[in-house]
């Protein structure tokens, strides 16, 4: 059973892992919630804003989405009434 974490302060974590950008904490909650999470970047990890956005969006859309699922997901991206749970 999953315990609700209402009011908890989730944060997106960004770090370098084996030379790659590693993003965590973007798969729990609705997209409307996730876009409000503060982003913590590992100290001394130099990353451009464009690289950061690209890595976060790639992580959000990665694993388990068919082309039609991905298309439907992004069509509802800004519709908070239909915010989907990202797993």
C-alpha atoms as a PDB file:
ATOM      1  CA  UNK A   1       0.000   0.000   0.000  1.00  0.00           C
ATOM      2  CA  UNK A   2       1.268   3.466  -0.870  1.00  0.00           C
ATOM      3  CA  UNK A   3       0.974   6.086   1.826  1.00  0.00           C
ATOM      4  CA  UNK A   4      -0.159   9.523   0.578  1.00  0.00           C
ATOM      5  CA  UNK A   5       2.449  12.202   1.027  1.00  0.00           C
ATOM      6  CA  UNK A   6       0.279  15.302   0.873  1.00  0.00           C
ATOM      7  CA  UNK A   7       2.227  18.425   1.654  1.00  0.00           C
ATOM      8  CA  UNK A   8       5.590  16.713   1.360  1.00  0.00           C
ATOM      9  CA  UNK A   9       8.331  18.649  -0.324  1.00  0.00           C
ATOM     10  CA  UNK A  10       9.486  16.556  -3.270  1.00  0.00           C
ATOM     11  CA  UNK A  11      12.490  17.727  -5.229  1.00  0.00           C
ATOM     12  CA  UNK A  12      13.841  16.755  -8.638  1.00  0.00           C
ATOM     13  CA  UNK A  13      17.426  15.559  -8.234  1.00  0.00           C
ATOM     14  CA  UNK A  14      20.015  16.074 -10.987  1.00  0.00           C
ATOM     15  CA  UNK A  15      23.502  14.582 -10.915  1.00  0.00           C
ATOM     16  CA  UNK A  16      26.197  13.088 -13.085  1.00  0.00           C
ATOM     17  CA  UNK A  17      26.295   9.284 -13.117  1.00  0.00           C
ATOM     18  CA  UNK A  18      28.993   7.589 -15.190  1.00  0.00           C
ATOM     19  CA  UNK A  19      29.252  10.677 -17.397  1.00  0.00           C
ATOM     20  CA  UNK A  20      25.490  10.810 -18.047  1.00  0.00           C
ATOM     21  CA  UNK A  21      22.845  13.138 -16.646  1.00  0.00           C
ATOM     22  CA  UNK A  22      20.795  11.292 -14.011  1.00  0.00           C
ATOM     23  CA  UNK A  23      17.338  12.671 -13.137  1.00  0.00           C
ATOM     24  CA  UNK A  24      15.255  11.326 -10.238  1.00  0.00           C
ATOM     25  CA  UNK A  25      11.868  12.104  -8.642  1.00  0.00           C
ATOM     26  CA  UNK A  26       9.943  12.867 -11.845  1.00  0.00           C
ATOM     27  CA  UNK A  27       7.781   9.740 -11.869  1.00  0.00           C
ATOM     28  CA  UNK A  28       5.625  10.267  -8.774  1.00  0.00           C
ATOM     29  CA  UNK A  29       2.608  12.536  -8.932  1.00  0.00           C
ATOM     30  CA  UNK A  30       0.631  14.234 -11.638  1.00  0.00           C
ATOM     31  CA  UNK A  31       2.407  16.294 -14.227  1.00  0.00           C
ATOM     32  CA  UNK A  32       0.832  19.368 -12.624  1.00  0.00           C
ATOM     33  CA  UNK A  33       2.587  18.465  -9.372  1.00  0.00           C
ATOM     34  CA  UNK A  34       5.904  17.518 -10.953  1.00  0.00           C
ATOM     35  CA  UNK A  35       6.357  20.848 -12.737  1.00  0.00           C
ATOM     36  CA  UNK A  36       6.201  22.608  -9.343  1.00  0.00           C
ATOM     37  CA  UNK A  37       9.012  20.568  -7.751  1.00  0.00           C
ATOM     38  CA  UNK A  38      12.217  22.477  -6.992  1.00  0.00           C
ATOM     39  CA  UNK A  39      15.277  21.192  -8.873  1.00  0.00           C
ATOM     40  CA  UNK A  40      18.452  20.323  -6.963  1.00  0.00           C
ATOM     41  CA  UNK A  41      21.600  20.028  -9.081  1.00  0.00           C
ATOM     42  CA  UNK A  42      24.655  18.232  -7.723  1.00  0.00           C
ATOM     43  CA  UNK A  43      27.295  20.782  -6.643  1.00  0.00           C
ATOM     44  CA  UNK A  44      30.017  21.410  -9.240  1.00  0.00           C
ATOM     45  CA  UNK A  45      27.903  19.766 -11.981  1.00  0.00           C
ATOM     46  CA  UNK A  46      27.931  22.200 -14.882  1.00  0.00           C
ATOM     47  CA  UNK A  47      24.827  21.802 -17.020  1.00  0.00           C
ATOM     48  CA  UNK A  48      23.186  24.205 -19.440  1.00  0.00           C
ATOM     49  CA  UNK A  49      19.519  25.037 -18.895  1.00  0.00           C
ATOM     50  CA  UNK A  50      18.730  23.515 -22.288  1.00  0.00           C
ATOM     51  CA  UNK A  51      20.486  20.270 -21.338  1.00  0.00           C
ATOM     52  CA  UNK A  52      18.611  20.184 -18.033  1.00  0.00           C
ATOM     53  CA  UNK A  53      15.214  20.689 -19.687  1.00  0.00           C
ATOM     54  CA  UNK A  54      16.001  18.088 -22.335  1.00  0.00           C
ATOM     55  CA  UNK A  55      17.080  15.533 -19.700  1.00  0.00           C
ATOM     56  CA  UNK A  56      13.973  16.119 -17.558  1.00  0.00           C
ATOM     57  CA  UNK A  57      11.590  15.862 -20.519  1.00  0.00           C
ATOM     58  CA  UNK A  58      13.379  12.728 -21.737  1.00  0.00           C
ATOM     59  CA  UNK A  59      13.043  11.143 -18.295  1.00  0.00           C
ATOM     60  CA  UNK A  60       9.342  12.072 -18.100  1.00  0.00           C
ATOM     61  CA  UNK A  61       8.579  10.543 -21.478  1.00  0.00           C
ATOM     62  CA  UNK A  62      10.852   7.506 -21.188  1.00  0.00           C
ATOM     63  CA  UNK A  63       9.944   3.857 -20.581  1.00  0.00           C
ATOM     64  CA  UNK A  64       6.610   2.293 -21.296  1.00  0.00           C
ATOM     65  CA  UNK A  65       4.951   4.839 -23.580  1.00  0.00           C
ATOM     66  CA  UNK A  66       3.806   3.752 -27.003  1.00  0.00           C
ATOM     67  CA  UNK A  67       3.701   6.449 -29.687  1.00  0.00           C
ATOM     68  CA  UNK A  68      -0.063   6.903 -29.196  1.00  0.00           C
ATOM     69  CA  UNK A  69       0.290   6.977 -25.384  1.00  0.00           C
ATOM     70  CA  UNK A  70       3.042   9.569 -25.631  1.00  0.00           C
ATOM     71  CA  UNK A  71       0.995  11.689 -28.035  1.00  0.00           C
ATOM     72  CA  UNK A  72      -2.065  11.579 -25.735  1.00  0.00           C
ATOM     73  CA  UNK A  73       0.121  12.383 -22.714  1.00  0.00           C
ATOM     74  CA  UNK A  74       1.596  15.519 -24.282  1.00  0.00           C
ATOM     75  CA  UNK A  75      -1.781  16.647 -25.663  1.00  0.00           C
ATOM     76  CA  UNK A  76      -3.036  16.781 -22.054  1.00  0.00           C
ATOM     77  CA  UNK A  77       0.231  18.285 -20.784  1.00  0.00           C
ATOM     78  CA  UNK A  78      -1.287  21.584 -19.645  1.00  0.00           C
ATOM     79  CA  UNK A  79      -4.768  20.314 -18.776  1.00  0.00           C
ATOM     80  CA  UNK A  80      -4.652  20.100 -14.978  1.00  0.00           C
ATOM     81  CA  UNK A  81      -8.213  18.725 -14.907  1.00  0.00           C
ATOM     82  CA  UNK A  82      -6.901  15.649 -16.733  1.00  0.00           C
ATOM     83  CA  UNK A  83      -3.430  15.496 -15.177  1.00  0.00           C
ATOM     84  CA  UNK A  84      -2.130  11.957 -15.505  1.00  0.00           C
ATOM     85  CA  UNK A  85      -0.134   9.986 -13.007  1.00  0.00           C
ATOM     86  CA  UNK A  86       3.366   9.458 -14.334  1.00  0.00           C
ATOM     87  CA  UNK A  87       4.937   6.155 -13.341  1.00  0.00           C
END
